[in-house]
Amino acid sequence: MRGYTLLDFRTSPKKMCASLLLGKRKRCGQCTGCLSLDCGTCNFCKDMVKFGGQGKKKQCCKQRKCVIVSAQPTESNPTTDHITPQLPRQNPYTIADFLTQSNRKVHSILGDGSCLFRSISYQLFHTQIHHFKVRSNLVC
């Protein structure tokens, strides 16, 4: 188990999970995004020192985004060597398609900040009104 510092809790959980699973990400160097030049007009280029910016964002040009981002295993996470880069899917398969094929349907849940507990309440009791009981049992 990895030890956490105060800096880790300031980063978003999504970024932490991605960095733990994928390790350091590296460009492929072969796609059209990697081979194109900096445009000099996008927000990221305007921030670059070579275009007169302060260099705080530290992002590549919007035109230079890699289409295929390969994952490199790091010393802290050597289990990522089996991850292969994936291209964006041409035919997106939505959750609604999956639900209709498996004879299920989407139920609307009130989005008031307790939607997680409302959805658990709906799954357990077939109603959302017990969300407070679910919350009190799960959260200290």
C-alpha atoms as a PDB file:
ATOM      1  CA  MET A   1       0.000   0.000   0.000  1.00  0.00           C
ATOM      2  CA  ARG A   2       1.263   3.404  -0.921  1.00  0.00           C
ATOM      3  CA  GLY A   3       1.655   6.168   1.675  1.00  0.00           C
ATOM      4  CA  TYR A   4      -0.284   9.355   1.002  1.00  0.00           C
ATOM      5  CA  THR A   5       0.899  12.897   1.571  1.00  0.00           C
ATOM      6  CA  LEU A   6      -1.107  16.098   1.849  1.00  0.00           C
ATOM      7  CA  LEU A   7      -0.356  16.789  -1.803  1.00  0.00           C
ATOM      8  CA  ASP A   8      -2.066  13.534  -2.828  1.00  0.00           C
ATOM      9  CA  PHE A   9      -5.329  14.624  -1.234  1.00  0.00           C
ATOM     10  CA  ARG A  10      -5.260  17.927  -3.111  1.00  0.00           C
ATOM     11  CA  THR A  11      -5.242  16.152  -6.458  1.00  0.00           C
ATOM     12  CA  SER A  12      -8.507  14.840  -7.804  1.00  0.00           C
ATOM     13  CA  PRO A  13      -9.333  11.155  -7.188  1.00  0.00           C
ATOM     14  CA  LYS A  14      -9.720  10.632 -10.938  1.00  0.00           C
ATOM     15  CA  LYS A  15      -6.143  11.779 -11.586  1.00  0.00           C
ATOM     16  CA  MET A  16      -4.842   9.678  -8.690  1.00  0.00           C
ATOM     17  CA  CYS A  17      -6.549   6.534 -10.023  1.00  0.00           C
ATOM     18  CA  ALA A  18      -5.298   7.145 -13.556  1.00  0.00           C
ATOM     19  CA  SER A  19      -1.742   7.685 -12.396  1.00  0.00           C
ATOM     20  CA  LEU A  20      -1.809   4.602 -10.169  1.00  0.00           C
ATOM     21  CA  LEU A  21      -3.238   2.381 -12.919  1.00  0.00           C
ATOM     22  CA  LEU A  22      -1.393   3.676 -15.957  1.00  0.00           C
ATOM     23  CA  GLY A  23       1.851   4.996 -14.569  1.00  0.00           C
ATOM     24  CA  LYS A  24       3.662   7.732 -16.483  1.00  0.00           C
ATOM     25  CA  ARG A  25       2.111   8.312 -19.884  1.00  0.00           C
ATOM     26  CA  LYS A  26       4.275   8.902 -22.939  1.00  0.00           C
ATOM     27  CA  ARG A  27       3.462  10.011 -26.478  1.00  0.00           C
ATOM     28  CA  CYS A  28       3.782   7.496 -29.289  1.00  0.00           C
ATOM     29  CA  GLY A  29       5.798   9.854 -31.556  1.00  0.00           C
ATOM     30  CA  GLN A  30       4.256   8.414 -34.719  1.00  0.00           C
ATOM     31  CA  CYS A  31       0.666   9.688 -35.015  1.00  0.00           C
ATOM     32  CA  THR A  32      -0.396  12.902 -36.735  1.00  0.00           C
ATOM     33  CA  GLY A  33      -0.756  14.692 -33.406  1.00  0.00           C
ATOM     34  CA  CYS A  34       2.801  13.891 -32.310  1.00  0.00           C
ATOM     35  CA  LEU A  35       4.304  14.855 -35.668  1.00  0.00           C
ATOM     36  CA  SER A  36       2.526  18.224 -36.048  1.00  0.00           C
ATOM     37  CA  LEU A  37       4.102  21.549 -35.052  1.00  0.00           C
ATOM     38  CA  ASP A  38       2.935  23.991 -32.361  1.00  0.00           C
ATOM     39  CA  CYS A  39       0.237  26.307 -33.708  1.00  0.00           C
ATOM     40  CA  GLY A  40       1.218  29.300 -31.560  1.00  0.00           C
ATOM     41  CA  THR A  41      -2.392  30.489 -31.241  1.00  0.00           C
ATOM     42  CA  CYS A  42      -4.122  28.138 -28.793  1.00  0.00           C
ATOM     43  CA  ASN A  43      -4.206  28.821 -25.037  1.00  0.00           C
ATOM     44  CA  PHE A  44      -1.481  26.271 -24.311  1.00  0.00           C
ATOM     45  CA  CYS A  45       0.865  27.726 -26.966  1.00  0.00           C
ATOM     46  CA  LYS A  46       0.258  31.274 -25.710  1.00  0.00           C
ATOM     47  CA  ASP A  47       1.345  30.101 -22.242  1.00  0.00           C
ATOM     48  CA  MET A  48       4.610  28.581 -23.550  1.00  0.00           C
ATOM     49  CA  VAL A  49       7.818  30.514 -22.846  1.00  0.00           C
ATOM     50  CA  LYS A  50       8.908  30.276 -26.492  1.00  0.00           C
ATOM     51  CA  PHE A  51       5.755  32.168 -27.505  1.00  0.00           C
ATOM     52  CA  GLY A  52       6.119  34.800 -24.758  1.00  0.00           C
ATOM     53  CA  GLY A  53       3.974  33.163 -22.060  1.00  0.00           C
ATOM     54  CA  GLN A  54       4.742  32.375 -18.437  1.00  0.00           C
ATOM     55  CA  GLY A  55       4.954  28.604 -18.893  1.00  0.00           C
ATOM     56  CA  LYS A  56       2.653  27.702 -16.000  1.00  0.00           C
ATOM     57  CA  LYS A  57       0.222  25.344 -17.741  1.00  0.00           C
ATOM     58  CA  LYS A  58       2.926  22.966 -19.035  1.00  0.00           C
ATOM     59  CA  GLN A  59       0.638  21.445 -21.660  1.00  0.00           C
ATOM     60  CA  CYS A  60       1.358  20.659 -25.279  1.00  0.00           C
ATOM     61  CA  CYS A  61      -0.373  22.423 -28.148  1.00  0.00           C
ATOM     62  CA  LYS A  62      -3.974  21.376 -28.750  1.00  0.00           C
ATOM     63  CA  GLN A  63      -2.966  20.246 -32.256  1.00  0.00           C
ATOM     64  CA  ARG A  64      -0.139  18.109 -30.828  1.00  0.00           C
ATOM     65  CA  LYS A  65      -2.319  15.868 -28.623  1.00  0.00           C
ATOM     66  CA  CYS A  66      -1.327  12.246 -29.121  1.00  0.00           C
ATOM     67  CA  VAL A  67      -4.032  10.040 -30.585  1.00  0.00           C
ATOM     68  CA  ILE A  68      -2.438   6.936 -29.107  1.00  0.00           C
ATOM     69  CA  VAL A  69      -1.075   7.450 -25.608  1.00  0.00           C
ATOM     70  CA  SER A  70       1.007   4.497 -24.490  1.00  0.00           C
ATOM     71  CA  ALA A  71       1.382   3.643 -20.833  1.00  0.00           C
ATOM     72  CA  GLN A  72       4.892   3.242 -19.493  1.00  0.00           C
ATOM     73  CA  PRO A  73       5.355   1.142 -16.334  1.00  0.00           C
ATOM     74  CA  THR A  74       7.058   2.957 -13.478  1.00  0.00           C
ATOM     75  CA  GLU A  75       9.088   1.629 -10.568  1.00  0.00           C
ATOM     76  CA  SER A  76       6.155   2.176  -8.199  1.00  0.00           C
ATOM     77  CA  ASN A  77       3.696   0.388 -10.502  1.00  0.00           C
ATOM     78  CA  PRO A  78       5.358  -2.400 -12.519  1.00  0.00           C
ATOM     79  CA  THR A  79       2.028  -4.146 -13.214  1.00  0.00           C
ATOM     80  CA  THR A  80       1.131  -1.796 -16.079  1.00  0.00           C
ATOM     81  CA  ASP A  81       3.270  -3.512 -18.699  1.00  0.00           C
ATOM     82  CA  HIS A  82       0.247  -5.458 -19.957  1.00  0.00           C
ATOM     83  CA  ILE A  83      -1.767  -2.319 -20.804  1.00  0.00           C
ATOM     84  CA  THR A  84      -1.900  -1.639 -24.523  1.00  0.00           C
ATOM     85  CA  PRO A  85      -2.836   1.714 -26.074  1.00  0.00           C
ATOM     86  CA  GLN A  86      -6.329   1.918 -27.502  1.00  0.00           C
ATOM     87  CA  LEU A  87      -7.692   4.049 -30.302  1.00  0.00           C
ATOM     88  CA  PRO A  88     -10.958   5.921 -29.775  1.00  0.00           C
ATOM     89  CA  ARG A  89     -13.878   3.700 -30.718  1.00  0.00           C
ATOM     90  CA  GLN A  90     -15.464   4.415 -34.081  1.00  0.00           C
ATOM     91  CA  ASN A  91     -18.948   3.192 -33.129  1.00  0.00           C
ATOM     92  CA  PRO A  92     -19.715   4.255 -29.548  1.00  0.00           C
ATOM     93  CA  TYR A  93     -21.812   1.771 -27.614  1.00  0.00           C
ATOM     94  CA  THR A  94     -23.872   3.630 -25.035  1.00  0.00           C
ATOM     95  CA  ILE A  95     -25.205   2.463 -21.695  1.00  0.00           C
ATOM     96  CA  ALA A  96     -28.748   2.908 -23.036  1.00  0.00           C
ATOM     97  CA  ASP A  97     -27.991   0.396 -25.826  1.00  0.00           C
ATOM     98  CA  PHE A  98     -26.675  -2.092 -23.286  1.00  0.00           C
ATOM     99  CA  LEU A  99     -29.707  -1.674 -21.029  1.00  0.00           C
ATOM    100  CA  THR A 100     -32.215  -2.134 -23.840  1.00  0.00           C
ATOM    101  CA  GLN A 101     -30.442  -5.282 -25.059  1.00  0.00           C
ATOM    102  CA  SER A 102     -30.461  -6.785 -21.571  1.00  0.00           C
ATOM    103  CA  ASN A 103     -34.152  -5.920 -20.954  1.00  0.00           C
ATOM    104  CA  ARG A 104     -33.389  -3.303 -18.292  1.00  0.00           C
ATOM    105  CA  LYS A 105     -34.346   0.333 -17.993  1.00  0.00           C
ATOM    106  CA  VAL A 106     -33.034   3.582 -16.593  1.00  0.00           C
ATOM    107  CA  HIS A 107     -34.699   4.950 -13.467  1.00  0.00           C
ATOM    108  CA  SER A 108     -34.429   8.649 -12.732  1.00  0.00           C
ATOM    109  CA  ILE A 109     -32.928   9.517  -9.362  1.00  0.00           C
ATOM    110  CA  LEU A 110     -33.276  12.939  -7.768  1.00  0.00           C
ATOM    111  CA  GLY A 111     -29.913  14.709  -8.054  1.00  0.00           C
ATOM    112  CA  ASP A 112     -29.831  16.463  -4.685  1.00  0.00           C
ATOM    113  CA  GLY A 113     -26.407  15.347  -3.443  1.00  0.00           C
ATOM    114  CA  SER A 114     -27.781  12.098  -2.038  1.00  0.00           C
ATOM    115  CA  CYS A 115     -28.155  10.433  -5.430  1.00  0.00           C
ATOM    116  CA  LEU A 116     -25.733   7.616  -4.562  1.00  0.00           C
ATOM    117  CA  PHE A 117     -27.715   6.726  -1.448  1.00  0.00           C
ATOM    118  CA  ARG A 118     -31.016   7.185  -3.302  1.00  0.00           C
ATOM    119  CA  SER A 119     -29.883   4.730  -5.983  1.00  0.00           C
ATOM    120  CA  ILE A 120     -28.780   2.180  -3.355  1.00  0.00           C
ATOM    121  CA  SER A 121     -32.120   2.648  -1.605  1.00  0.00           C
ATOM    122  CA  TYR A 122     -33.915   2.071  -4.893  1.00  0.00           C
ATOM    123  CA  GLN A 123     -31.960  -1.130  -5.530  1.00  0.00           C
ATOM    124  CA  LEU A 124     -32.603  -2.485  -2.037  1.00  0.00           C
ATOM    125  CA  PHE A 125     -36.142  -1.314  -1.301  1.00  0.00           C
ATOM    126  CA  HIS A 126     -37.518  -0.357  -4.771  1.00  0.00           C
ATOM    127  CA  THR A 127     -38.050   3.200  -3.524  1.00  0.00           C
ATOM    128  CA  GLN A 128     -35.832   6.240  -2.933  1.00  0.00           C
ATOM    129  CA  ILE A 129     -37.414   7.357   0.343  1.00  0.00           C
ATOM    130  CA  HIS A 130     -35.100   5.241   2.512  1.00  0.00           C
ATOM    131  CA  HIS A 131     -31.963   7.064   1.309  1.00  0.00           C
ATOM    132  CA  PHE A 132     -31.412   8.680   4.719  1.00  0.00           C
ATOM    133  CA  LYS A 133     -31.348   5.259   6.432  1.00  0.00           C
ATOM    134  CA  VAL A 134     -28.880   3.979   3.849  1.00  0.00           C
ATOM    135  CA  ARG A 135     -26.684   7.060   4.353  1.00  0.00           C
ATOM    136  CA  SER A 136     -26.752   6.787   8.158  1.00  0.00           C
ATOM    137  CA  ASN A 137     -25.784   3.100   7.986  1.00  0.00           C
ATOM    138  CA  LEU A 138     -22.915   3.638   5.548  1.00  0.00           C
ATOM    139  CA  VAL A 139     -21.449   6.969   6.711  1.00  0.00           C
ATOM    140  CA  CYS A 140     -20.104   7.412  10.224  1.00  0.00           C
END
